[in-house]
């Protein structure tokens, strides 16, 4: 099963669209993520991330729904421990 996790973009770097990265906050866990598939993503946006790539931009309400579900099934704690 594949899982995409929402995160909020805190900063971005890189001018080349294929090499652009963002520092993304996953509920307290910070990671650098490739933004090549989401050129429209900007600081403050929420993105769904799968294997290190942002695959789509989502709104904050949808991100919160996913975080709530992950907390409910105990997966958010696993992500925090892995960070």
C-alpha atoms as a PDB file:
ATOM      1  CA  UNK A   1       0.000   0.000   0.000  1.00  0.00           C
ATOM      2  CA  UNK A   2       1.254   3.490  -0.848  1.00  0.00           C
ATOM      3  CA  UNK A   3       0.830   6.390   1.505  1.00  0.00           C
ATOM      4  CA  UNK A   4       1.069  10.105   0.770  1.00  0.00           C
ATOM      5  CA  UNK A   5       1.422  12.337   3.813  1.00  0.00           C
ATOM      6  CA  UNK A   6       0.458  16.024   3.965  1.00  0.00           C
ATOM      7  CA  UNK A   7       2.999  18.636   4.948  1.00  0.00           C
ATOM      8  CA  UNK A   8       3.255  22.425   4.980  1.00  0.00           C
ATOM      9  CA  UNK A   9       6.001  24.118   2.968  1.00  0.00           C
ATOM     10  CA  UNK A  10       8.151  26.331   5.211  1.00  0.00           C
ATOM     11  CA  UNK A  11      10.738  27.409   2.624  1.00  0.00           C
ATOM     12  CA  UNK A  12      11.875  26.664  -0.906  1.00  0.00           C
ATOM     13  CA  UNK A  13      15.192  26.755  -2.738  1.00  0.00           C
ATOM     14  CA  UNK A  14      16.488  26.194  -6.251  1.00  0.00           C
ATOM     15  CA  UNK A  15      15.779  27.882  -9.561  1.00  0.00           C
ATOM     16  CA  UNK A  16      15.712  24.760 -11.732  1.00  0.00           C
ATOM     17  CA  UNK A  17      12.113  23.448 -11.692  1.00  0.00           C
ATOM     18  CA  UNK A  18      13.362  19.837 -11.630  1.00  0.00           C
ATOM     19  CA  UNK A  19      15.701  20.445  -8.700  1.00  0.00           C
ATOM     20  CA  UNK A  20      13.507  22.773  -6.618  1.00  0.00           C
ATOM     21  CA  UNK A  21      13.156  21.590  -3.027  1.00  0.00           C
ATOM     22  CA  UNK A  22      11.096  22.655  -0.072  1.00  0.00           C
ATOM     23  CA  UNK A  23      11.567  22.331   3.651  1.00  0.00           C
ATOM     24  CA  UNK A  24       8.293  20.729   4.701  1.00  0.00           C
ATOM     25  CA  UNK A  25       6.743  20.373   8.156  1.00  0.00           C
ATOM     26  CA  UNK A  26       4.859  17.121   8.779  1.00  0.00           C
ATOM     27  CA  UNK A  27       3.268  17.965  12.127  1.00  0.00           C
ATOM     28  CA  UNK A  28       6.634  18.669  13.751  1.00  0.00           C
ATOM     29  CA  UNK A  29       8.835  16.459  11.581  1.00  0.00           C
ATOM     30  CA  UNK A  30      10.872  18.544   9.096  1.00  0.00           C
ATOM     31  CA  UNK A  31      12.132  17.094   5.807  1.00  0.00           C
ATOM     32  CA  UNK A  32      13.474  18.384   2.484  1.00  0.00           C
ATOM     33  CA  UNK A  33      11.111  17.396  -0.325  1.00  0.00           C
ATOM     34  CA  UNK A  34      11.435  17.605  -4.115  1.00  0.00           C
ATOM     35  CA  UNK A  35       8.853  20.016  -5.592  1.00  0.00           C
ATOM     36  CA  UNK A  36       9.364  19.130  -9.289  1.00  0.00           C
ATOM     37  CA  UNK A  37       5.811  17.755  -9.657  1.00  0.00           C
ATOM     38  CA  UNK A  38       4.205  20.780  -7.963  1.00  0.00           C
ATOM     39  CA  UNK A  39       5.697  23.891  -9.615  1.00  0.00           C
ATOM     40  CA  UNK A  40       2.724  25.935  -8.393  1.00  0.00           C
ATOM     41  CA  UNK A  41       3.472  25.169  -4.717  1.00  0.00           C
ATOM     42  CA  UNK A  42       4.602  28.122  -2.609  1.00  0.00           C
ATOM     43  CA  UNK A  43       5.572  28.777   1.003  1.00  0.00           C
ATOM     44  CA  UNK A  44       2.597  28.107   3.276  1.00  0.00           C
ATOM     45  CA  UNK A  45       0.940  25.625   0.912  1.00  0.00           C
ATOM     46  CA  UNK A  46       0.130  22.089   1.985  1.00  0.00           C
ATOM     47  CA  UNK A  47       1.333  19.303  -0.286  1.00  0.00           C
ATOM     48  CA  UNK A  48       0.837  15.549  -0.317  1.00  0.00           C
ATOM     49  CA  UNK A  49       4.240  13.860  -0.254  1.00  0.00           C
ATOM     50  CA  UNK A  50       5.083  10.348  -1.414  1.00  0.00           C
ATOM     51  CA  UNK A  51       8.646   8.954  -1.304  1.00  0.00           C
ATOM     52  CA  UNK A  52      10.218  12.398  -1.056  1.00  0.00           C
ATOM     53  CA  UNK A  53       8.206  14.071  -3.816  1.00  0.00           C
ATOM     54  CA  UNK A  54       5.312  16.501  -3.431  1.00  0.00           C
ATOM     55  CA  UNK A  55       2.670  15.055  -5.753  1.00  0.00           C
ATOM     56  CA  UNK A  56      -0.153  17.604  -5.358  1.00  0.00           C
ATOM     57  CA  UNK A  57      -1.120  20.764  -3.514  1.00  0.00           C
ATOM     58  CA  UNK A  58      -4.059  20.423  -1.095  1.00  0.00           C
ATOM     59  CA  UNK A  59      -5.897  22.878   1.117  1.00  0.00           C
ATOM     60  CA  UNK A  60      -5.315  23.154   4.872  1.00  0.00           C
ATOM     61  CA  UNK A  61      -8.693  21.620   5.764  1.00  0.00           C
ATOM     62  CA  UNK A  62      -7.904  18.472   3.763  1.00  0.00           C
ATOM     63  CA  UNK A  63      -4.437  18.253   5.348  1.00  0.00           C
ATOM     64  CA  UNK A  64      -5.974  18.468   8.824  1.00  0.00           C
ATOM     65  CA  UNK A  65      -8.422  15.671   7.977  1.00  0.00           C
ATOM     66  CA  UNK A  66      -5.523  13.431   6.960  1.00  0.00           C
ATOM     67  CA  UNK A  67      -3.531  14.316  10.111  1.00  0.00           C
ATOM     68  CA  UNK A  68      -6.591  13.526  12.254  1.00  0.00           C
ATOM     69  CA  UNK A  69      -7.006  10.143  10.562  1.00  0.00           C
ATOM     70  CA  UNK A  70      -3.292   9.342  10.952  1.00  0.00           C
ATOM     71  CA  UNK A  71      -3.512  10.199  14.672  1.00  0.00           C
ATOM     72  CA  UNK A  72      -6.595   8.004  14.989  1.00  0.00           C
ATOM     73  CA  UNK A  73      -4.845   4.959  13.531  1.00  0.00           C
ATOM     74  CA  UNK A  74      -1.570   5.639  15.336  1.00  0.00           C
ATOM     75  CA  UNK A  75       0.487   6.361  12.227  1.00  0.00           C
ATOM     76  CA  UNK A  76       1.352   9.977  13.053  1.00  0.00           C
ATOM     77  CA  UNK A  77       3.392   8.841  16.057  1.00  0.00           C
ATOM     78  CA  UNK A  78       5.328   6.476  13.759  1.00  0.00           C
ATOM     79  CA  UNK A  79       6.156   9.395  11.461  1.00  0.00           C
ATOM     80  CA  UNK A  80       7.296  11.545  14.386  1.00  0.00           C
ATOM     81  CA  UNK A  81       9.555   8.758  15.675  1.00  0.00           C
ATOM     82  CA  UNK A  82      11.073   8.257  12.209  1.00  0.00           C
ATOM     83  CA  UNK A  83      11.917  11.978  11.880  1.00  0.00           C
END
